Amino acid sequence: MRSVPHRTRPHHRWIFTPIFLAVMLTANLYFGVLHGELSKVDLAAFGVSLNSLEQGEWLRLITGSFISHDADMLVRQLMLAAFAIGWFEWRNGALRTFVMFFALDVFGTLFLMFGLIVFIGLLNFSDFAGLPNTYDVGMSAGGFGLIGASLYYLSWRKWAMTAGVMTLVVKAALFPEPIADLAHLMMLPTGFLAEALVSRALVKFAG
């Protein structure tokens, strides 16, 4: 018998979402992003790249999530965070949202850097030769992962997932951003599958 996701669980107050948004806004104010763009020095100091992770600079997995390249990106990131984190927290509470977001964000970044970027490097595509040295910032890996996780609870979740993936493919074709596009396309279904596994495990644990 096919299991159906619960849709009657109580809604929770937002705790993690406003804290995350406040930290993001404060960090970008500090780096002057609202008045221009993130400097190359700050990007190199706090962004994440394959080479920086290979050198053991793991804290970048966290610091890079809170900053943006420029004011336009910051607005998009704030909107994404408010929607993705807020939607998931509304249903699942602050603690689970905290764990789920950073687990997905860190996993997505690690898989992107050590999996996809390394694989692309092995193919010797000249257009992507600089990817290992390219610094990335933003929380979209975790954000799209949480959107995928939230889609799991919709009765029409398969259609929503299909539409989401198709939208991301069209966006990548029209306005390509290699690192971000790969992260988004990977994390939307990953978040969905992760939530399916976690939810079913919790149901079994509860008895």
Protein backbone atom coordinates (compact mmCIF):
# COMPACT_ATOMS: atom_id res chain seq x y z
CA MET A 1 0.00 0.00 0.00
CA ARG A 2 1.48 3.34 -1.01
CA SER A 3 2.20 5.70 1.87
CA VAL A 4 0.71 9.17 1.66
CA PRO A 5 2.52 12.13 3.30
CA HIS A 6 0.79 13.63 6.31
CA ARG A 7 -0.81 17.01 5.64
CA THR A 8 -2.43 17.65 9.00
CA ARG A 9 0.59 18.37 11.18
CA PRO A 10 0.50 21.59 13.23
CA HIS A 11 2.06 24.72 11.81
CA HIS A 12 5.03 26.14 13.69
CA ARG A 13 6.18 29.64 14.50
CA TRP A 14 9.07 31.03 12.53
CA ILE A 15 12.27 31.16 14.57
CA PHE A 16 15.14 30.00 12.36
CA THR A 17 13.88 31.84 9.27
CA PRO A 18 14.04 35.41 10.66
CA ILE A 19 17.38 34.68 12.35
CA PHE A 20 18.84 33.42 9.08
CA LEU A 21 17.52 36.43 7.16
CA ALA A 22 18.89 38.83 9.79
CA VAL A 23 22.36 37.24 9.68
CA MET A 24 22.34 37.32 5.88
CA LEU A 25 21.31 40.96 5.76
CA THR A 26 23.83 41.96 8.43
CA ALA A 27 26.69 40.16 6.68
CA ASN A 28 25.98 41.82 3.36
CA LEU A 29 25.61 45.22 5.01
CA TYR A 30 29.01 44.70 6.62
CA PHE A 31 30.63 43.83 3.28
CA GLY A 32 28.98 46.79 1.53
CA VAL A 33 26.98 44.65 -0.88
CA LEU A 34 23.91 46.88 -0.62
CA HIS A 35 25.91 49.80 -2.00
CA GLY A 36 27.70 48.01 -4.81
CA GLU A 37 29.09 44.50 -5.03
CA LEU A 38 31.17 42.10 -2.99
CA SER A 39 34.85 42.94 -3.39
CA LYS A 40 37.17 40.38 -4.93
CA VAL A 41 39.15 40.34 -1.68
CA ASP A 42 36.09 39.46 0.43
CA LEU A 43 34.90 36.95 -2.17
CA ALA A 44 38.27 35.18 -2.03
CA ALA A 45 38.27 35.33 1.77
CA PHE A 46 34.76 33.99 2.42
CA GLY A 47 33.50 32.35 -0.79
CA VAL A 48 33.86 28.63 -1.48
CA SER A 49 35.72 26.99 -4.34
CA LEU A 50 37.05 23.53 -5.07
CA ASN A 51 40.64 24.63 -4.50
CA SER A 52 39.83 26.29 -1.15
CA LEU A 53 38.13 23.13 0.11
CA GLU A 54 41.05 20.99 -1.05
CA GLN A 55 43.21 23.21 1.16
CA GLY A 56 41.04 22.35 4.17
CA GLU A 57 39.15 25.64 4.47
CA TRP A 58 35.86 23.99 5.49
CA LEU A 59 34.40 27.00 7.29
CA ARG A 60 33.75 28.50 3.85
CA LEU A 61 30.87 26.03 3.50
CA ILE A 62 29.05 28.14 6.11
CA THR A 63 30.33 31.66 5.48
CA GLY A 64 29.63 31.47 1.76
CA SER A 65 25.94 30.75 2.41
CA PHE A 66 25.28 34.16 3.96
CA ILE A 67 26.81 36.54 1.43
CA SER A 68 25.94 37.61 -2.13
CA HIS A 69 27.84 38.99 -5.11
CA ASP A 70 25.78 42.18 -5.38
CA ALA A 71 22.57 43.88 -4.26
CA ASP A 72 20.45 42.23 -6.97
CA MET A 73 21.61 38.78 -5.94
CA LEU A 74 21.02 39.66 -2.29
CA VAL A 75 17.38 40.52 -2.99
CA ARG A 76 16.92 37.20 -4.80
CA GLN A 77 18.65 35.30 -2.02
CA LEU A 78 16.53 36.96 0.68
CA MET A 79 13.37 36.09 -1.23
CA LEU A 80 14.54 32.51 -1.79
CA ALA A 81 15.51 32.09 1.87
CA ALA A 82 12.24 33.55 3.14
CA PHE A 83 10.22 31.25 0.88
CA ALA A 84 12.25 28.02 1.07
CA ILE A 85 13.25 28.12 4.73
CA GLY A 86 10.01 29.71 5.87
CA TRP A 87 7.81 27.17 4.07
CA PHE A 88 9.73 24.21 5.52
CA GLU A 89 9.92 25.67 9.03
CA TRP A 90 6.19 26.46 9.01
CA ARG A 91 5.56 22.77 8.71
CA ASN A 92 8.49 21.14 10.52
CA GLY A 93 9.74 23.57 13.15
CA ALA A 94 13.01 25.40 13.73
CA LEU A 95 15.32 22.56 14.81
CA ARG A 96 14.52 20.23 11.95
CA THR A 97 14.71 23.13 9.49
CA PHE A 98 18.13 24.16 10.83
CA VAL A 99 19.51 20.63 10.50
CA MET A 100 17.88 19.98 7.13
CA PHE A 101 19.00 23.27 5.56
CA PHE A 102 22.66 23.04 6.52
CA ALA A 103 22.81 19.31 5.77
CA LEU A 104 21.45 19.91 2.27
CA ASP A 105 23.51 23.05 1.70
CA VAL A 106 26.79 21.45 2.78
CA PHE A 107 26.06 18.18 0.97
CA GLY A 108 25.08 20.04 -2.19
CA THR A 109 28.22 22.16 -2.17
CA LEU A 110 30.53 19.22 -1.47
CA PHE A 111 28.96 17.07 -4.17
CA LEU A 112 29.05 19.96 -6.62
CA MET A 113 32.70 20.72 -5.93
CA PHE A 114 34.17 17.24 -5.52
CA GLY A 115 31.76 15.47 -7.85
CA LEU A 116 30.48 17.51 -10.76
CA ILE A 117 33.27 20.08 -11.04
CA VAL A 118 35.97 17.41 -10.76
CA PHE A 119 34.15 15.33 -13.39
CA ILE A 120 33.85 18.31 -15.74
CA GLY A 121 37.56 18.95 -15.24
CA LEU A 122 38.36 15.41 -16.35
CA LEU A 123 36.54 16.08 -19.62
CA ASN A 124 38.90 18.98 -20.37
CA PHE A 125 36.24 21.41 -21.57
CA SER A 126 38.05 24.69 -22.19
CA ASP A 127 34.95 26.75 -21.35
CA PHE A 128 34.94 25.34 -17.82
CA ALA A 129 38.67 25.27 -17.15
CA GLY A 130 38.45 27.93 -14.45
CA LEU A 131 35.71 26.29 -12.35
CA PRO A 132 38.02 24.86 -9.62
CA ASN A 133 39.24 28.40 -8.89
CA THR A 134 35.80 30.04 -9.11
CA TYR A 135 34.45 31.25 -5.77
CA ASP A 136 30.77 30.72 -5.15
CA VAL A 137 28.51 32.39 -2.59
CA GLY A 138 24.84 32.08 -1.72
CA MET A 139 22.44 29.68 -0.04
CA SER A 140 20.67 28.39 -3.13
CA ALA A 141 21.88 24.79 -2.71
CA GLY A 142 20.18 24.51 0.65
CA GLY A 143 17.29 26.70 -0.46
CA PHE A 144 16.39 24.61 -3.49
CA GLY A 145 16.92 21.49 -1.41
CA LEU A 146 14.31 22.69 1.08
CA ILE A 147 11.89 23.57 -1.72
CA GLY A 148 12.25 20.02 -3.01
CA ALA A 149 11.70 18.73 0.53
CA SER A 150 8.52 20.80 0.89
CA LEU A 151 7.21 19.57 -2.48
CA TYR A 152 7.17 16.06 -1.03
CA TYR A 153 4.06 16.96 1.00
CA LEU A 154 1.99 18.18 -1.94
CA SER A 155 -0.64 15.84 -3.37
CA TRP A 156 0.52 16.89 -6.87
CA ARG A 157 4.20 16.71 -5.93
CA LYS A 158 5.31 14.77 -9.04
CA TRP A 159 3.89 17.43 -11.35
CA ALA A 160 5.39 20.20 -9.21
CA MET A 161 8.81 18.53 -9.28
CA THR A 162 8.65 18.06 -13.04
CA ALA A 163 7.64 21.69 -13.57
CA GLY A 164 10.40 22.88 -11.23
CA VAL A 165 13.12 20.91 -13.01
CA MET A 166 11.92 22.05 -16.44
CA THR A 167 11.92 25.68 -15.29
CA LEU A 168 15.49 25.35 -14.04
CA VAL A 169 16.60 23.75 -17.32
CA VAL A 170 15.08 26.61 -19.34
CA LYS A 171 16.70 29.19 -17.04
CA ALA A 172 20.10 27.47 -17.38
CA ALA A 173 19.79 27.49 -21.16
CA LEU A 174 18.81 31.14 -21.40
CA PHE A 175 20.90 32.63 -18.57
CA PRO A 176 23.71 30.16 -17.84
CA GLU A 177 25.51 30.24 -14.50
CA PRO A 178 27.35 26.90 -14.41
CA ILE A 179 27.92 26.43 -10.68
CA ALA A 180 24.56 27.80 -9.56
CA ASP A 181 22.59 25.98 -12.29
CA LEU A 182 24.18 22.63 -11.46
CA ALA A 183 23.47 23.14 -7.77
CA HIS A 184 19.82 24.04 -8.35
CA LEU A 185 19.15 21.13 -10.71
CA MET A 186 20.81 18.69 -8.35
CA MET A 187 19.35 19.87 -5.07
CA LEU A 188 15.67 20.18 -5.98
CA PRO A 189 15.19 16.39 -6.41
CA THR A 190 17.78 15.64 -3.72
CA GLY A 191 15.78 17.57 -1.14
CA PHE A 192 12.63 15.76 -2.22
CA LEU A 193 14.24 12.33 -1.81
CA ALA A 194 15.89 13.29 1.48
CA GLU A 195 12.60 14.41 2.98
CA ALA A 196 10.86 11.25 1.76
CA LEU A 197 13.48 9.12 3.55
CA VAL A 198 13.47 11.21 6.73
CA SER A 199 9.68 11.40 6.97
CA ARG A 200 9.22 7.68 6.51
CA ALA A 201 11.97 6.94 9.03
CA LEU A 202 10.30 9.23 11.58
CA VAL A 203 6.92 7.57 11.00
CA LYS A 204 8.46 4.13 11.60
CA PHE A 205 10.34 5.39 14.66
CA ALA A 206 7.13 6.85 16.11
CA GLY A 207 5.55 3.51 15.86
